[in-house]
N, C-alpha and C. Protein backbone atom coordinates (compact mmCIF):
# COMPACT_ATOMS: atom_id res chain seq x y z
N LYS A 1 1.35 -8.23 -5.20
CA LYS A 1 0.55 -7.92 -6.36
C LYS A 1 0.05 -6.47 -6.30
N LEU A 2 -0.34 -6.04 -5.12
CA LEU A 2 -0.83 -4.66 -4.97
C LEU A 2 0.26 -3.66 -5.32
N ARG A 3 1.46 -3.90 -4.85
CA ARG A 3 2.58 -3.00 -5.14
C ARG A 3 2.83 -2.92 -6.64
N ALA A 4 2.85 -4.05 -7.30
CA ALA A 4 3.11 -4.09 -8.75
C ALA A 4 2.02 -3.36 -9.53
N ARG A 5 0.78 -3.56 -9.15
CA ARG A 5 -0.31 -2.90 -9.86
C ARG A 5 -0.31 -1.39 -9.64
N ALA A 6 -0.02 -0.96 -8.42
CA ALA A 6 0.06 0.48 -8.15
C ALA A 6 1.22 1.09 -8.93
N ALA A 7 2.35 0.40 -8.99
CA ALA A 7 3.53 0.90 -9.71
C ALA A 7 3.24 1.05 -11.20
N GLU A 8 2.46 0.15 -11.78
CA GLU A 8 2.12 0.23 -13.20
C GLU A 8 1.30 1.48 -13.51
N ARG A 9 0.50 1.93 -12.56
CA ARG A 9 -0.42 3.04 -12.80
C ARG A 9 0.09 4.39 -12.32
N ALA A 10 1.09 4.40 -11.46
CA ALA A 10 1.58 5.64 -10.86
C ALA A 10 2.51 6.39 -11.82
N PRO A 11 2.48 7.73 -11.76
CA PRO A 11 3.43 8.53 -12.55
C PRO A 11 4.86 8.21 -12.13
N GLY A 12 5.80 8.55 -12.99
CA GLY A 12 7.21 8.21 -12.76
C GLY A 12 7.83 8.79 -11.51
N ASP A 13 7.33 9.91 -11.01
CA ASP A 13 7.95 10.51 -9.83
C ASP A 13 7.41 9.97 -8.51
N VAL A 14 6.47 9.04 -8.55
CA VAL A 14 5.96 8.40 -7.33
C VAL A 14 6.93 7.29 -6.94
N ARG A 15 7.34 7.30 -5.67
CA ARG A 15 8.24 6.26 -5.18
C ARG A 15 7.42 5.26 -4.38
N ILE A 16 7.63 3.98 -4.69
CA ILE A 16 6.89 2.92 -4.04
C ILE A 16 7.87 1.90 -3.47
N SER A 17 7.77 1.67 -2.16
CA SER A 17 8.67 0.71 -1.52
C SER A 17 8.19 -0.71 -1.80
N ASP A 18 9.07 -1.67 -1.56
CA ASP A 18 8.67 -3.07 -1.62
C ASP A 18 7.79 -3.38 -0.42
N ALA A 19 7.02 -4.45 -0.50
CA ALA A 19 6.24 -4.90 0.65
C ALA A 19 7.20 -5.50 1.67
N VAL A 20 7.16 -4.97 2.88
CA VAL A 20 8.06 -5.44 3.95
C VAL A 20 7.22 -5.67 5.21
N PRO A 21 7.70 -6.54 6.10
CA PRO A 21 6.98 -6.72 7.36
C PRO A 21 6.88 -5.38 8.10
N ALA A 22 5.72 -5.13 8.69
CA ALA A 22 5.51 -3.91 9.49
C ALA A 22 6.40 -3.97 10.73
N PRO A 23 6.70 -2.81 11.34
CA PRO A 23 7.52 -2.82 12.56
C PRO A 23 6.98 -3.78 13.63
N VAL A 24 5.68 -3.84 13.79
CA VAL A 24 5.06 -4.87 14.63
C VAL A 24 4.46 -5.85 13.63
N SER A 25 5.21 -6.93 13.36
CA SER A 25 4.87 -7.77 12.22
C SER A 25 3.73 -8.76 12.45
N LYS A 26 3.36 -8.97 13.71
CA LYS A 26 2.26 -9.90 13.96
C LYS A 26 1.44 -9.38 15.14
N VAL A 27 0.12 -9.27 14.92
CA VAL A 27 -0.79 -8.81 15.96
C VAL A 27 -1.99 -9.75 15.98
N LYS A 28 -2.30 -10.29 17.15
CA LYS A 28 -3.44 -11.20 17.32
C LYS A 28 -3.41 -12.33 16.30
N GLY A 29 -2.22 -12.88 16.08
CA GLY A 29 -2.07 -14.02 15.17
C GLY A 29 -2.11 -13.68 13.70
N ARG A 30 -2.15 -12.39 13.35
CA ARG A 30 -2.20 -11.97 11.95
C ARG A 30 -0.91 -11.26 11.58
N PHE A 31 -0.34 -11.66 10.46
CA PHE A 31 0.88 -11.03 9.98
C PHE A 31 0.56 -9.71 9.29
N ARG A 32 1.44 -8.73 9.44
CA ARG A 32 1.22 -7.39 8.88
C ARG A 32 2.40 -7.00 7.99
N TYR A 33 2.09 -6.44 6.84
CA TYR A 33 3.10 -5.93 5.90
C TYR A 33 2.73 -4.51 5.53
N GLN A 34 3.71 -3.77 5.05
CA GLN A 34 3.42 -2.40 4.63
C GLN A 34 4.12 -2.08 3.32
N ILE A 35 3.47 -1.22 2.56
CA ILE A 35 4.01 -0.66 1.32
C ILE A 35 3.87 0.85 1.46
N MET A 36 4.93 1.58 1.21
CA MET A 36 4.84 3.04 1.32
C MET A 36 4.93 3.65 -0.07
N LEU A 37 4.00 4.57 -0.35
CA LEU A 37 3.99 5.32 -1.60
C LEU A 37 4.27 6.77 -1.25
N ARG A 38 5.20 7.37 -1.98
CA ARG A 38 5.57 8.76 -1.69
C ARG A 38 5.49 9.60 -2.96
N SER A 39 4.96 10.81 -2.78
CA SER A 39 4.86 11.75 -3.89
C SER A 39 4.68 13.14 -3.33
N ARG A 40 4.96 14.14 -4.13
CA ARG A 40 4.74 15.52 -3.70
C ARG A 40 3.25 15.86 -3.66
N ARG A 41 2.47 15.20 -4.51
CA ARG A 41 1.03 15.47 -4.59
C ARG A 41 0.23 14.21 -4.23
N THR A 42 -0.71 14.37 -3.34
CA THR A 42 -1.50 13.23 -2.84
C THR A 42 -2.22 12.51 -3.96
N ARG A 43 -2.80 13.25 -4.89
CA ARG A 43 -3.58 12.63 -5.97
C ARG A 43 -2.74 11.66 -6.81
N GLU A 44 -1.45 11.95 -6.99
CA GLU A 44 -0.59 11.05 -7.77
C GLU A 44 -0.46 9.68 -7.12
N VAL A 45 -0.70 9.62 -5.83
CA VAL A 45 -0.61 8.35 -5.10
C VAL A 45 -1.99 7.72 -4.94
N THR A 46 -2.98 8.51 -4.59
CA THR A 46 -4.29 7.95 -4.26
C THR A 46 -5.01 7.33 -5.46
N GLU A 47 -4.95 7.97 -6.62
CA GLU A 47 -5.67 7.44 -7.78
C GLU A 47 -5.10 6.09 -8.23
N PRO A 48 -3.79 5.95 -8.44
CA PRO A 48 -3.27 4.63 -8.82
C PRO A 48 -3.54 3.56 -7.76
N LEU A 49 -3.45 3.94 -6.49
CA LEU A 49 -3.71 2.98 -5.43
C LEU A 49 -5.18 2.57 -5.41
N ARG A 50 -6.06 3.52 -5.60
CA ARG A 50 -7.50 3.24 -5.64
C ARG A 50 -7.81 2.26 -6.79
N GLN A 51 -7.23 2.50 -7.95
CA GLN A 51 -7.44 1.61 -9.10
C GLN A 51 -6.89 0.21 -8.83
N ALA A 52 -5.69 0.15 -8.27
CA ALA A 52 -5.07 -1.15 -7.98
C ALA A 52 -5.91 -1.94 -6.97
N LEU A 53 -6.40 -1.28 -5.94
CA LEU A 53 -7.23 -1.96 -4.94
C LEU A 53 -8.54 -2.45 -5.54
N ALA A 54 -9.12 -1.67 -6.45
CA ALA A 54 -10.38 -2.07 -7.08
C ALA A 54 -10.22 -3.31 -7.94
N GLU A 55 -9.07 -3.46 -8.57
CA GLU A 55 -8.81 -4.59 -9.46
C GLU A 55 -8.35 -5.84 -8.72
N LEU A 56 -7.78 -5.66 -7.56
CA LEU A 56 -7.16 -6.77 -6.83
C LEU A 56 -8.21 -7.63 -6.16
N ARG A 57 -8.12 -8.92 -6.35
CA ARG A 57 -9.01 -9.86 -5.66
C ARG A 57 -8.22 -10.45 -4.51
N LYS A 58 -8.56 -10.01 -3.31
CA LYS A 58 -7.84 -10.47 -2.13
C LYS A 58 -8.38 -11.82 -1.68
N PRO A 59 -7.47 -12.71 -1.28
CA PRO A 59 -7.92 -13.99 -0.72
C PRO A 59 -8.73 -13.77 0.55
N ARG A 60 -9.55 -14.70 0.87
CA ARG A 60 -10.38 -14.63 2.08
C ARG A 60 -9.48 -14.47 3.31
N GLY A 61 -9.85 -13.57 4.19
CA GLY A 61 -9.08 -13.35 5.41
C GLY A 61 -7.98 -12.31 5.27
N ILE A 62 -7.79 -11.78 4.07
CA ILE A 62 -6.76 -10.76 3.84
C ILE A 62 -7.47 -9.40 3.78
N SER A 63 -6.91 -8.42 4.47
CA SER A 63 -7.48 -7.08 4.43
C SER A 63 -6.38 -6.07 4.13
N CYS A 64 -6.79 -4.94 3.59
CA CYS A 64 -5.87 -3.83 3.30
C CYS A 64 -6.36 -2.58 4.00
N VAL A 65 -5.45 -1.86 4.60
CA VAL A 65 -5.77 -0.61 5.25
C VAL A 65 -4.89 0.46 4.63
N VAL A 66 -5.49 1.58 4.21
CA VAL A 66 -4.75 2.67 3.61
C VAL A 66 -4.70 3.82 4.61
N ASP A 67 -3.51 4.30 4.91
CA ASP A 67 -3.32 5.41 5.83
C ASP A 67 -2.67 6.56 5.04
N VAL A 68 -3.46 7.59 4.75
CA VAL A 68 -2.96 8.73 4.00
C VAL A 68 -2.30 9.69 5.00
N ASP A 69 -1.12 10.18 4.67
CA ASP A 69 -0.36 11.08 5.56
C ASP A 69 -0.10 10.43 6.91
N ALA A 70 0.42 9.22 6.87
CA ALA A 70 0.70 8.49 8.11
C ALA A 70 1.67 9.26 8.99
N ILE A 71 1.35 9.32 10.26
CA ILE A 71 2.23 9.97 11.23
C ILE A 71 3.10 8.93 11.91
N ASP A 72 2.54 7.76 12.15
CA ASP A 72 3.24 6.68 12.85
C ASP A 72 3.10 5.41 12.02
N LEU A 73 4.18 4.70 11.80
CA LEU A 73 4.14 3.50 10.98
C LEU A 73 3.95 2.22 11.79
N MET A 74 3.64 2.35 13.05
CA MET A 74 3.41 1.18 13.89
C MET A 74 2.02 0.69 13.64
């Protein structure tokens, strides 16, 4: 749902991957997934993502972490 909402709000040149299991897919009994957003300008990614996160009602026990300019995807 987060990916779809961010895609609806992002400009056309922002590339958004599908949600896929993270390279380390399970840590301490919790499953991890990642979505990557790519753009030449940070604001084109951060604003749509901020809006999508604000609208999204996450189920109990679900958390989202945003890493801007990620160096390592682990």
